[in-house]
Amino acid sequence: MTDAVRPPQPQVAIPRVSLPELILVRAEGYGSKLALIDGLTGQGTTFGDLAVRVRRTAAGLHRLGIGRSDTLLLLASNHPDYASIFLAAALLGGILTTINPAATPDEVARQARDSNARYLFTVPELLGRVRTVHPWSGIITPEGTHDTFSLADLGKTEGTFPKPTFDPESDVVVLPYSSGTTGTSKGVRLTHTNLVANLHQIATPIFSGEDVIIGLAPFFHIYGLTVVLLLGLFLGATDVVLPRFEVQTFADAVRRYGVTHANLVPPLILALAKHPSLEPQMLESLKTVQSGAAPLPPDVASAFSLRFHCRVLQGYGLTETSPVTHVAPRSRHDIPVESIGPPVANTECELRDVQTGRTLGVGSRGELYVRGPQVMQGYLNAPEKTDEMIDAQGWLRTGDIAWMDDQGNFYIVDRAKELIKYKAYPVAPAELEAILLTHPDVDDAAVIPSPDTVAGEVPKAYVVARRSVPESALLAWVAERVAPYKKIRRIEFIDAIPKSASGKILRRMLIEKDRVRAAEHRVDHLG
């Protein structure tokens, strides 16, 4: 039996405090320093002003009837207001459930119903399609309308509010939704202690209070919420907030505000690395980029680093772990760019054989299991799914295949359920995608298992080409770089690879597309 892998750094003390109390005490200490800058308008908010606004907003929300365990659904793109409404509701003991602003009315209604959300915060452009999808007790918008409450006015409310009795270890503060390893979207119950712990675990490896960061990773996703918005406020960094990614807007914000650190997802790093009109001096203030939420091919990381003279590091986590479990610290230069680094403080890891469950050691590939104070309390209304995800000893199965080198650094290979079985040989889609992305004529790629009567499954690639390129050239490109059983056998050209907001390839959509195409082919053949 191999011992669990522990982090190289000593344990950190996790205070028994609520999340908003932790952030507000810090913010009041940072005083007149800029906390948030609207990257589009240039309007700034100091830490001191934010602390006052949060407390006043909490008083206003209390008057609306929001209290302990009431759920508020946040439906909005990144904006400095996100911090005010989030922390104010949390200060009252409320639960925040976040959702992609691109969600359909049915998806909003489903999450509101499942999370028992009574209140909604949204923006005017989204209000029309969600106003009537759920029996809201109240709707809040930034400036208010004839039938919604104004966040701006709430932020001016004078008076006090009752301080709820918190149990940080059991009281849920954030309820994001995740498919986990089971494929269906479920509410992830994250407590105050889960997030407070994760902020302390990542307080030193990623960026510091001296940095100017860019708030581009979506705040509705746990990566953007914890690792960008909350960590920036916790450390005292200035956060330049952008609602969406546009190359020129991003470059202008980096140059105008002297952004030194960016938390990005792989598709954005790829887009920047390959964008024809970006010059190195446009991003010259940028010193480090942390990639998360999806695997980053090392060649893409290297291309970005070489072009913009900027270090690219990887981290890893899940919604179910608040999210960070591993990170390559920027203080270390000995960790390969393809590694997610060692586990963060107070986190244990194991690699287990997918078939036998046996614990594996250095160099062996297995499913990654983690345990630590950042692990969720469980899924909402789904105890059986929680039991599938977390065992009796508190080990959470990530669903990702990984290996560890002799220095304690981890490497993600692929999703356990996405491995392609070619004649029983496992083939990792991410490995083939990384190779395809090194081809000069390929802008993006995704690889899926395609049914085959002889092999069972064969690797099939969906490719976004920069210019016309023969299929045979791409097949040969990959074949020269992998073992024979890993070769891509089929290619289909496509306009865009479907991806989630966090940058993960939506392989299920491509698999369904492939199954439909195969069925149509069989019908044509029979006809």
Protein backbone atom coordinates (compact mmCIF):
# COMPACT_ATOMS: atom_id res chain seq x y z
CA MET A 1 0.00 0.00 0.00
CA THR A 2 1.47 3.37 -1.04
CA ASP A 3 1.18 6.28 1.39
CA ALA A 4 -0.95 9.26 0.39
CA VAL A 5 0.98 12.11 -1.26
CA ARG A 6 1.15 15.28 0.80
CA PRO A 7 2.21 18.81 -0.21
CA PRO A 8 5.83 19.95 0.14
CA GLN A 9 4.88 23.03 2.20
CA PRO A 10 3.73 22.93 5.83
CA GLN A 11 0.07 23.01 6.76
CA VAL A 12 -1.66 26.38 7.02
CA ALA A 13 -4.03 27.37 9.83
CA ILE A 14 -7.65 27.68 8.69
CA PRO A 15 -9.55 30.23 10.80
CA ARG A 16 -13.08 29.39 11.90
CA VAL A 17 -14.71 32.44 10.35
CA SER A 18 -17.36 33.20 7.76
CA LEU A 19 -16.22 34.02 4.22
CA PRO A 20 -17.58 37.62 4.14
CA GLU A 21 -16.10 38.42 7.55
CA LEU A 22 -12.71 37.24 6.36
CA ILE A 23 -12.86 39.35 3.19
CA LEU A 24 -14.29 42.47 4.85
CA VAL A 25 -11.72 42.58 7.64
CA ARG A 26 -9.01 42.34 5.00
CA ALA A 27 -10.68 44.98 2.79
CA GLU A 28 -10.96 47.46 5.64
CA GLY A 29 -7.25 47.00 6.27
CA TYR A 30 -6.37 47.76 2.64
CA GLY A 31 -8.28 51.06 2.86
CA SER A 32 -7.80 53.44 -0.08
CA LYS A 33 -6.11 50.96 -2.40
CA LEU A 34 -8.08 50.19 -5.55
CA ALA A 35 -9.87 46.86 -5.26
CA LEU A 36 -11.91 46.72 -8.46
CA ILE A 37 -11.70 48.58 -11.75
CA ASP A 38 -14.38 48.33 -14.42
CA GLY A 39 -12.20 47.44 -17.40
CA LEU A 40 -14.66 49.02 -19.86
CA THR A 41 -15.44 52.32 -18.11
CA GLY A 42 -12.37 52.78 -15.91
CA GLN A 43 -14.49 53.38 -12.81
CA GLY A 44 -12.67 52.21 -9.69
CA THR A 45 -13.70 51.11 -6.22
CA THR A 46 -11.34 51.15 -3.25
CA PHE A 47 -11.23 48.36 -0.69
CA GLY A 48 -12.55 50.72 1.97
CA ASP A 49 -15.47 51.86 -0.19
CA LEU A 50 -16.27 48.24 -1.07
CA ALA A 51 -16.42 47.27 2.61
CA VAL A 52 -18.85 50.12 3.33
CA ARG A 53 -20.96 49.29 0.28
CA VAL A 54 -21.17 45.62 1.20
CA ARG A 55 -22.39 46.35 4.72
CA ARG A 56 -24.94 48.88 3.49
CA THR A 57 -26.12 46.49 0.77
CA ALA A 58 -26.54 43.81 3.43
CA ALA A 59 -28.77 46.19 5.38
CA GLY A 60 -30.81 46.79 2.23
CA LEU A 61 -31.10 43.07 1.45
CA HIS A 62 -32.21 42.46 5.03
CA ARG A 63 -35.06 44.93 4.52
CA LEU A 64 -36.08 42.95 1.42
CA GLY A 65 -36.36 39.86 3.60
CA ILE A 66 -33.13 38.04 2.76
CA GLY A 67 -31.72 36.17 5.74
CA ARG A 68 -29.90 33.04 6.82
CA SER A 69 -30.15 30.13 4.36
CA ASP A 70 -32.15 32.16 1.79
CA THR A 71 -30.88 31.50 -1.72
CA LEU A 72 -30.07 34.27 -4.20
CA LEU A 73 -29.43 33.34 -7.83
CA LEU A 74 -26.78 35.41 -9.62
CA LEU A 75 -27.27 35.69 -13.40
CA ALA A 76 -24.80 38.22 -14.79
CA SER A 77 -21.52 38.62 -16.61
CA ASN A 78 -18.43 39.79 -14.73
CA HIS A 79 -18.92 43.24 -13.19
CA PRO A 80 -17.59 44.93 -10.05
CA ASP A 81 -21.16 44.76 -8.65
CA TYR A 82 -20.76 40.98 -8.44
CA ALA A 83 -18.56 41.41 -5.37
CA SER A 84 -21.04 43.70 -3.59
CA ILE A 85 -24.14 41.56 -4.01
CA PHE A 86 -22.26 38.32 -3.36
CA LEU A 87 -20.61 39.41 -0.12
CA ALA A 88 -23.68 41.28 1.15
CA ALA A 89 -25.96 38.26 0.79
CA ALA A 90 -23.30 36.01 2.31
CA LEU A 91 -22.96 38.42 5.25
CA LEU A 92 -26.62 37.77 6.05
CA GLY A 93 -26.07 34.02 5.99
CA GLY A 94 -27.55 33.72 2.51
CA ILE A 95 -26.62 31.12 -0.11
CA LEU A 96 -25.43 32.24 -3.54
CA THR A 97 -26.14 30.02 -6.53
CA THR A 98 -24.38 31.16 -9.69
CA ILE A 99 -25.30 30.43 -13.30
CA ASN A 100 -23.95 31.12 -16.77
CA PRO A 101 -25.54 34.29 -18.23
CA ALA A 102 -25.91 32.33 -21.48
CA ALA A 103 -28.25 29.84 -19.76
CA THR A 104 -31.65 29.33 -21.35
CA PRO A 105 -34.84 30.31 -19.50
CA ASP A 106 -35.53 26.60 -18.88
CA GLU A 107 -32.07 26.11 -17.39
CA VAL A 108 -32.49 29.14 -15.12
CA ALA A 109 -35.90 27.87 -14.00
CA ARG A 110 -34.52 24.39 -13.32
CA GLN A 111 -31.62 25.65 -11.21
CA ALA A 112 -33.83 28.16 -9.37
CA ARG A 113 -36.29 25.40 -8.53
CA ASP A 114 -33.63 22.89 -7.47
CA SER A 115 -31.73 25.40 -5.34
CA ASN A 116 -34.94 26.89 -3.89
CA ALA A 117 -33.80 30.35 -4.97
CA ARG A 118 -36.17 33.08 -3.76
CA TYR A 119 -34.28 36.09 -5.09
CA LEU A 120 -32.58 36.95 -8.38
CA PHE A 121 -29.78 39.36 -9.27
CA THR A 122 -29.47 40.00 -12.98
CA VAL A 123 -28.84 42.73 -15.56
CA PRO A 124 -31.40 44.53 -17.76
CA GLU A 125 -30.43 42.73 -20.96
CA LEU A 126 -31.21 39.35 -19.37
CA LEU A 127 -34.21 40.39 -17.32
CA GLY A 128 -36.81 39.91 -20.04
CA ARG A 129 -36.19 36.22 -20.52
CA VAL A 130 -36.02 35.22 -16.85
CA ARG A 131 -38.45 37.57 -15.08
CA THR A 132 -41.36 35.10 -15.21
CA VAL A 133 -39.63 31.70 -15.29
CA HIS A 134 -39.76 31.31 -11.50
CA PRO A 135 -41.86 32.76 -8.66
CA TRP A 136 -39.19 35.17 -7.40
CA SER A 137 -39.76 36.94 -4.09
CA GLY A 138 -37.67 39.81 -5.43
CA ILE A 139 -35.49 40.74 -8.41
CA ILE A 140 -32.48 43.04 -8.11
CA THR A 141 -30.76 44.82 -11.01
CA PRO A 142 -27.83 47.26 -10.93
CA GLU A 143 -29.89 50.45 -11.29
CA GLY A 144 -33.40 49.08 -10.79
CA THR A 145 -36.49 49.19 -13.04
CA HIS A 146 -40.17 49.79 -12.44
CA ASP A 147 -40.55 46.26 -11.05
CA THR A 148 -37.05 45.44 -9.73
CA PHE A 149 -34.97 46.67 -6.81
CA SER A 150 -31.89 48.82 -7.41
CA LEU A 151 -28.55 47.48 -6.19
CA ALA A 152 -27.20 51.03 -6.30
CA ASP A 153 -29.92 52.19 -3.92
CA LEU A 154 -29.51 49.15 -1.69
CA GLY A 155 -25.83 50.08 -1.40
CA LYS A 156 -26.84 53.41 0.17
CA THR A 157 -29.02 51.89 2.89
CA GLU A 158 -28.29 53.28 6.32
CA GLY A 159 -28.89 51.13 9.38
CA THR A 160 -27.94 47.79 10.81
CA PHE A 161 -28.90 44.22 10.26
CA PRO A 162 -28.96 41.21 12.57
CA LYS A 163 -25.71 39.30 12.54
CA PRO A 164 -26.58 35.66 11.87
CA THR A 165 -25.08 32.84 13.88
CA PHE A 166 -22.69 31.05 11.54
CA ASP A 167 -21.41 27.55 11.63
CA PRO A 168 -18.69 28.04 8.99
CA GLU A 169 -18.05 24.31 8.69
CA SER A 170 -21.64 23.36 7.87
CA ASP A 171 -23.33 26.51 6.54
CA VAL A 172 -23.35 26.58 2.74
CA VAL A 173 -22.35 29.91 1.17
CA VAL A 174 -21.97 29.02 -2.52
CA LEU A 175 -24.06 26.59 -4.56
CA PRO A 176 -22.53 26.34 -8.05
CA TYR A 177 -23.73 23.57 -10.35
CA SER A 178 -21.48 20.88 -11.78
CA SER A 179 -21.83 17.62 -13.66
CA GLY A 180 -19.03 16.04 -11.58
CA THR A 181 -18.17 12.58 -12.85
CA THR A 182 -21.78 11.53 -13.37
CA GLY A 183 -22.89 13.68 -16.30
CA THR A 184 -25.92 15.41 -14.72
CA SER A 185 -25.86 18.94 -13.31
CA LYS A 186 -26.05 19.04 -9.52
CA GLY A 187 -25.76 21.74 -6.86
CA VAL A 188 -22.35 21.65 -5.16
CA ARG A 189 -22.65 22.51 -1.47
CA LEU A 190 -19.61 24.64 -0.58
CA THR A 191 -19.41 25.97 2.96
CA HIS A 192 -17.75 29.07 4.36
CA THR A 193 -14.91 26.88 5.65
CA ASN A 194 -14.46 25.26 2.22
CA LEU A 195 -13.79 28.62 0.58
CA VAL A 196 -11.92 30.17 3.52
CA ALA A 197 -9.66 27.11 3.51
CA ASN A 198 -9.02 27.29 -0.22
CA LEU A 199 -8.13 30.99 -0.05
CA HIS A 200 -5.53 30.23 2.62
CA GLN A 201 -4.26 27.22 0.65
CA ILE A 202 -3.59 29.33 -2.47
CA ALA A 203 -2.64 32.60 -0.77
CA THR A 204 0.99 32.46 -1.88
CA PRO A 205 1.48 30.28 -4.99
CA ILE A 206 -0.56 32.13 -7.64
CA PHE A 207 -0.25 35.92 -7.27
CA SER A 208 0.24 38.51 -4.50
CA GLY A 209 -1.33 41.71 -3.26
CA GLU A 210 1.24 43.65 -5.28
CA ASP A 211 -0.20 42.35 -8.55
CA VAL A 212 -2.74 43.90 -10.85
CA ILE A 213 -4.92 41.01 -12.02
CA ILE A 214 -7.59 40.77 -14.70
CA GLY A 215 -11.07 39.57 -13.79
CA LEU A 216 -11.90 37.79 -17.03
CA ALA A 217 -12.48 34.19 -15.90
CA PRO A 218 -16.28 34.03 -15.37
CA PHE A 219 -17.29 34.78 -11.79
CA PHE A 220 -20.26 32.41 -12.08
CA HIS A 221 -17.70 29.59 -12.39
CA ILE A 222 -15.89 28.56 -9.23
CA TYR A 223 -12.50 29.18 -10.91
CA GLY A 224 -13.26 32.84 -11.55
CA LEU A 225 -15.12 33.28 -8.27
CA THR A 226 -12.51 31.87 -5.90
CA VAL A 227 -9.20 32.13 -7.73
CA VAL A 228 -9.77 35.60 -9.21
CA LEU A 229 -12.49 37.65 -7.48
CA LEU A 230 -12.26 36.38 -3.89
CA LEU A 231 -8.51 35.71 -3.87
CA GLY A 232 -7.85 39.21 -5.25
CA LEU A 233 -9.93 40.75 -2.47
CA PHE A 234 -8.32 38.49 0.14
CA LEU A 235 -4.76 39.38 -0.89
CA GLY A 236 -5.34 43.05 -1.67
CA ALA A 237 -4.64 42.84 -5.41
CA THR A 238 -6.29 45.27 -7.83
CA ASP A 239 -8.73 43.45 -10.12
CA VAL A 240 -9.50 44.83 -13.59
CA VAL A 241 -12.90 43.34 -14.38
CA LEU A 242 -13.98 42.50 -17.93
CA PRO A 243 -17.37 41.01 -18.84
CA ARG A 244 -16.20 38.99 -21.84
CA PHE A 245 -13.14 38.11 -23.86
CA GLU A 246 -12.26 40.18 -26.90
CA VAL A 247 -8.63 40.21 -27.98
CA GLN A 248 -8.32 43.98 -28.44
CA THR A 249 -10.27 44.82 -25.28
CA PHE A 250 -8.10 42.40 -23.30
CA ALA A 251 -4.87 43.85 -24.72
CA ASP A 252 -6.05 47.43 -24.10
CA ALA A 253 -6.91 46.63 -20.47
CA VAL A 254 -3.56 44.94 -19.86
CA ARG A 255 -1.67 47.93 -21.29
CA ARG A 256 -3.84 50.68 -19.73
CA TYR A 257 -3.85 49.31 -16.20
CA GLY A 258 -0.49 47.53 -16.16
CA VAL A 259 -1.93 44.07 -15.55
CA THR A 260 0.81 41.77 -14.23
CA HIS A 261 -1.08 38.50 -13.78
CA ALA A 262 -3.94 36.79 -15.61
CA ASN A 263 -5.95 33.70 -14.75
CA LEU A 264 -7.07 32.32 -18.09
CA VAL A 265 -8.50 29.17 -19.61
CA PRO A 266 -6.75 27.22 -22.42
CA PRO A 267 -8.96 28.43 -25.32
CA LEU A 268 -8.09 32.05 -24.52
CA ILE A 269 -4.38 31.30 -24.21
CA LEU A 270 -4.56 29.55 -27.57
CA ALA A 271 -6.43 32.48 -29.15
CA LEU A 272 -3.87 34.98 -27.87
CA ALA A 273 -0.90 32.82 -28.87
CA LYS A 274 -2.16 32.51 -32.45
CA HIS A 275 -3.72 35.96 -32.97
CA PRO A 276 -2.03 37.56 -35.99
CA SER A 277 -2.26 41.23 -34.96
CA LEU A 278 -1.02 41.04 -31.36
CA GLU A 279 2.48 42.40 -30.80
CA PRO A 280 4.59 41.43 -27.75
CA GLN A 281 4.65 45.00 -26.44
CA MET A 282 0.85 45.00 -26.18
CA LEU A 283 1.11 42.64 -23.21
CA GLU A 284 4.54 43.67 -21.90
CA SER A 285 3.33 44.29 -18.32
CA LEU A 286 2.04 40.71 -18.06
CA LYS A 287 4.49 38.58 -16.06
CA THR A 288 2.55 35.40 -15.32
CA VAL A 289 -0.49 33.56 -16.62
CA GLN A 290 -2.15 30.81 -14.61
CA SER A 291 -4.11 28.31 -16.67
CA GLY A 292 -6.94 26.32 -15.14
CA ALA A 293 -10.36 24.70 -15.66
CA ALA A 294 -9.13 22.48 -18.53
CA PRO A 295 -5.87 20.85 -19.70
CA LEU A 296 -3.40 23.17 -21.44
CA PRO A 297 -1.25 21.57 -24.17
CA PRO A 298 2.42 22.32 -23.39
CA ASP A 299 3.11 23.53 -26.93
CA VAL A 300 0.40 26.17 -26.59
CA ALA A 301 1.89 27.29 -23.27
CA SER A 302 5.35 27.48 -24.82
CA ALA A 303 4.10 29.41 -27.86
CA PHE A 304 2.43 31.98 -25.59
CA SER A 305 5.49 32.29 -23.35
CA LEU A 306 7.87 32.79 -26.26
CA ARG A 307 5.65 35.32 -28.01
CA PHE A 308 4.86 37.50 -25.01
CA HIS A 309 7.87 36.82 -22.73
CA CYS A 310 5.51 35.68 -20.00
CA ARG A 311 5.53 32.59 -17.77
CA VAL A 312 2.60 30.21 -18.09
CA LEU A 313 1.79 27.94 -15.14
CA GLN A 314 -0.93 25.40 -14.59
CA GLY A 315 -3.25 24.65 -11.72
CA TYR A 316 -5.97 22.11 -11.17
CA GLY A 317 -9.18 21.65 -9.29
CA LEU A 318 -12.88 20.96 -9.48
CA THR A 319 -16.05 22.79 -8.54
CA GLU A 320 -16.36 20.12 -5.83
CA THR A 321 -13.03 21.23 -4.29
CA SER A 322 -13.70 24.99 -4.09
CA PRO A 323 -11.77 24.58 -6.58
CA VAL A 324 -7.97 24.31 -6.19
CA THR A 325 -6.18 21.09 -5.22
CA HIS A 326 -2.92 21.51 -7.17
CA VAL A 327 -0.93 24.45 -8.46
CA ALA A 328 2.50 25.09 -9.94
CA PRO A 329 3.73 28.01 -7.77
CA ARG A 330 5.24 30.91 -9.65
CA SER A 331 8.10 30.96 -7.14
CA ARG A 332 9.34 27.66 -8.57
CA HIS A 333 11.06 27.35 -11.95
CA ASP A 334 11.75 23.63 -11.81
CA ILE A 335 8.20 22.42 -12.56
CA PRO A 336 7.56 21.41 -16.20
CA VAL A 337 4.97 23.54 -17.97
CA GLU A 338 2.73 20.54 -18.60
CA SER A 339 2.49 19.79 -14.86
CA ILE A 340 -0.30 21.00 -12.56
CA GLY A 341 2.29 21.04 -9.79
CA PRO A 342 2.14 19.49 -6.31
CA PRO A 343 -0.95 19.47 -4.09
CA VAL A 344 -1.68 22.70 -2.24
CA ALA A 345 -1.30 22.94 1.54
CA ASN A 346 -3.47 20.67 3.72
CA THR A 347 -4.32 18.44 0.74
CA GLU A 348 -3.66 14.71 0.36
CA CYS A 349 -3.64 12.83 -2.95
CA GLU A 350 -3.75 9.26 -4.15
CA LEU A 351 -3.59 7.65 -7.57
CA ARG A 352 -5.73 4.52 -7.83
CA ASP A 353 -5.91 1.85 -10.47
CA VAL A 354 -9.17 2.35 -12.37
CA GLN A 355 -9.93 -1.38 -12.47
CA THR A 356 -8.73 -2.64 -9.08
CA GLY A 357 -8.71 0.48 -6.88
CA ARG A 358 -5.14 -0.33 -5.83
CA THR A 359 -3.06 2.70 -4.78
CA LEU A 360 -0.29 3.45 -7.29
CA GLY A 361 3.11 5.11 -6.99
CA VAL A 362 5.49 7.31 -8.98
CA GLY A 363 5.16 7.06 -12.76
CA SER A 364 1.96 5.00 -12.79
CA ARG A 365 -1.25 6.30 -14.30
CA GLY A 366 -4.40 6.11 -12.26
CA GLU A 367 -7.48 8.04 -11.20
CA LEU A 368 -6.67 10.99 -8.97
CA TYR A 369 -8.30 11.10 -5.53
CA VAL A 370 -8.01 14.09 -3.18
CA ARG A 371 -8.83 14.86 0.44
CA GLY A 372 -8.71 18.17 2.29
CA PRO A 373 -10.71 21.00 3.91
CA GLN A 374 -11.71 22.40 0.52
CA VAL A 375 -13.75 19.29 -0.42
CA MET A 376 -17.48 20.00 -0.69
CA GLN A 377 -20.09 18.87 1.82
CA GLY A 378 -21.89 16.99 -0.95
CA TYR A 379 -24.40 17.47 -3.73
CA LEU A 380 -27.74 19.14 -3.07
CA ASN A 381 -30.67 16.71 -3.00
CA ALA A 382 -28.48 13.88 -4.34
CA PRO A 383 -27.05 11.75 -1.50
CA GLU A 384 -26.43 8.77 -3.79
CA LYS A 385 -24.37 10.93 -6.17
CA THR A 386 -22.43 12.30 -3.21
CA ASP A 387 -21.62 8.74 -2.11
CA GLU A 388 -20.37 7.97 -5.63
CA MET A 389 -18.07 11.00 -5.45
CA ILE A 390 -16.78 10.88 -1.85
CA ASP A 391 -15.99 7.68 0.03
CA ALA A 392 -16.36 7.00 3.76
CA GLN A 393 -12.79 8.18 4.46
CA GLY A 394 -13.41 11.55 2.79
CA TRP A 395 -11.54 10.80 -0.43
CA LEU A 396 -13.06 12.55 -3.45
CA ARG A 397 -12.68 10.88 -6.83
CA THR A 398 -11.86 13.47 -9.46
CA GLY A 399 -12.65 11.36 -12.52
CA ASP A 400 -9.30 12.43 -14.00
CA ILE A 401 -6.43 10.15 -14.96
CA ALA A 402 -3.07 11.45 -13.74
CA TRP A 403 0.49 10.44 -12.91
CA MET A 404 3.15 11.79 -10.55
CA ASP A 405 6.86 12.30 -11.15
CA ASP A 406 9.57 11.64 -8.58
CA GLN A 407 9.48 15.28 -7.45
CA GLY A 408 5.84 15.08 -6.39
CA ASN A 409 4.48 17.00 -9.38
CA PHE A 410 1.25 15.77 -10.96
CA TYR A 411 0.22 15.56 -14.61
CA ILE A 412 -3.35 15.20 -15.87
CA VAL A 413 -3.69 12.73 -18.73
CA ASP A 414 -7.43 12.79 -19.42
CA ARG A 415 -10.88 12.13 -18.03
CA ALA A 416 -11.37 8.54 -16.88
CA LYS A 417 -14.61 8.27 -18.81
CA GLU A 418 -13.19 9.89 -21.96
CA LEU A 419 -10.35 7.46 -22.60
CA ILE A 420 -10.69 5.81 -25.99
CA LYS A 421 -10.36 2.02 -25.97
CA TYR A 422 -8.71 1.05 -29.27
CA LYS A 423 -8.60 -2.77 -29.26
CA ALA A 424 -8.57 -2.52 -25.44
CA TYR A 425 -5.59 -0.12 -25.48
CA PRO A 426 -6.35 3.17 -23.66
CA VAL A 427 -5.82 6.30 -25.75
CA ALA A 428 -6.00 9.77 -24.17
CA PRO A 429 -7.83 12.35 -26.35
CA ALA A 430 -5.94 15.26 -24.74
CA GLU A 431 -2.59 13.84 -25.92
CA LEU A 432 -3.76 13.71 -29.53
CA GLU A 433 -5.36 17.14 -29.31
CA ALA A 434 -2.08 18.61 -28.07
CA ILE A 435 -0.23 17.12 -31.04
CA LEU A 436 -2.79 18.41 -33.55
CA LEU A 437 -2.48 21.92 -32.09
CA THR A 438 1.22 21.95 -32.95
CA HIS A 439 0.38 21.78 -36.67
CA PRO A 440 0.70 25.27 -38.21
CA ASP A 441 -2.61 24.93 -40.09
CA VAL A 442 -4.69 23.86 -37.07
CA ASP A 443 -6.44 26.47 -34.92
CA ASP A 444 -8.29 24.07 -32.62
CA ALA A 445 -9.06 20.38 -32.27
CA ALA A 446 -11.01 17.83 -30.28
CA VAL A 447 -10.69 14.05 -30.30
CA ILE A 448 -13.48 11.59 -29.48
CA PRO A 449 -14.05 7.81 -29.50
CA SER A 450 -15.75 6.81 -32.75
CA PRO A 451 -17.40 3.34 -32.94
CA ASP A 452 -15.63 0.79 -35.11
CA THR A 453 -16.67 -2.78 -35.88
CA VAL A 454 -13.10 -4.08 -35.78
CA ALA A 455 -11.36 -2.02 -33.08
CA GLY A 456 -14.36 -1.22 -30.90
CA GLU A 457 -13.42 2.46 -30.88
CA VAL A 458 -11.00 4.54 -32.93
CA PRO A 459 -9.76 8.09 -32.32
CA LYS A 460 -11.62 10.62 -34.45
CA ALA A 461 -10.57 14.27 -34.62
CA TYR A 462 -12.73 17.31 -35.17
CA VAL A 463 -10.44 20.04 -36.52
CA VAL A 464 -10.77 23.78 -36.94
CA ALA A 465 -8.33 24.58 -39.75
CA ARG A 466 -6.66 27.94 -40.28
CA ARG A 467 -6.47 27.25 -44.01
CA SER A 468 -7.16 24.34 -46.30
CA VAL A 469 -5.12 21.31 -45.28
CA PRO A 470 -5.41 17.73 -46.58
CA GLU A 471 -6.81 15.20 -44.12
CA SER A 472 -3.95 12.87 -45.02
CA ALA A 473 -1.39 15.48 -43.91
CA LEU A 474 -2.93 15.73 -40.45
CA LEU A 475 -3.21 11.95 -40.10
CA ALA A 476 0.47 11.63 -40.98
CA TRP A 477 1.43 14.48 -38.62
CA VAL A 478 -0.03 12.63 -35.66
CA ALA A 479 1.07 9.15 -36.78
CA GLU A 480 4.72 10.26 -36.84
CA ARG A 481 4.49 11.29 -33.19
CA VAL A 482 2.59 8.49 -31.43
CA ALA A 483 2.56 4.71 -31.05
CA PRO A 484 0.59 2.95 -33.82
CA TYR A 485 -2.42 2.16 -31.64
CA LYS A 486 -2.82 5.86 -30.79
CA LYS A 487 -3.08 7.07 -34.39
CA ILE A 488 -6.06 9.18 -35.39
CA ARG A 489 -8.12 7.18 -37.87
CA ARG A 490 -10.78 9.72 -38.88
CA ILE A 491 -10.95 13.49 -39.27
CA GLU A 492 -13.85 15.87 -39.73
CA PHE A 493 -13.39 19.58 -40.29
CA ILE A 494 -15.63 21.89 -38.27
CA ASP A 495 -16.09 25.66 -37.81
CA ALA A 496 -15.70 25.68 -34.01
CA ILE A 497 -15.09 23.23 -31.18
CA PRO A 498 -17.98 23.33 -28.68
CA LYS A 499 -16.72 24.27 -25.22
CA SER A 500 -18.10 25.15 -21.82
CA ALA A 501 -17.66 28.60 -20.34
CA SER A 502 -14.64 27.32 -18.42
CA GLY A 503 -12.98 26.08 -21.61
CA LYS A 504 -13.64 22.36 -21.33
CA ILE A 505 -14.31 20.60 -24.60
CA LEU A 506 -17.92 19.43 -24.76
CA ARG A 507 -17.03 16.04 -26.16
CA ARG A 508 -20.52 14.67 -25.60
CA MET A 509 -21.87 17.07 -28.23
CA LEU A 510 -19.27 15.85 -30.72
CA ILE A 511 -19.91 12.23 -29.82
CA GLU A 512 -23.64 12.72 -30.45
CA LYS A 513 -22.83 14.43 -33.76
CA ASP A 514 -20.64 11.48 -34.73
CA ARG A 515 -23.35 8.95 -33.80
CA VAL A 516 -25.92 10.80 -35.91
CA ARG A 517 -23.50 10.91 -38.85
CA ALA A 518 -22.81 7.17 -38.50
CA ALA A 519 -26.54 6.39 -38.35
CA GLU A 520 -27.20 8.46 -41.48
CA HIS A 521 -24.37 6.64 -43.24
CA ARG A 522 -25.88 3.26 -42.34
CA VAL A 523 -29.29 4.34 -43.65
CA ASP A 524 -27.74 5.58 -46.89
CA HIS A 525 -25.79 2.38 -47.23
CA LEU A 526 -28.86 0.19 -46.67
CA GLY A 527 -30.87 2.31 -49.05
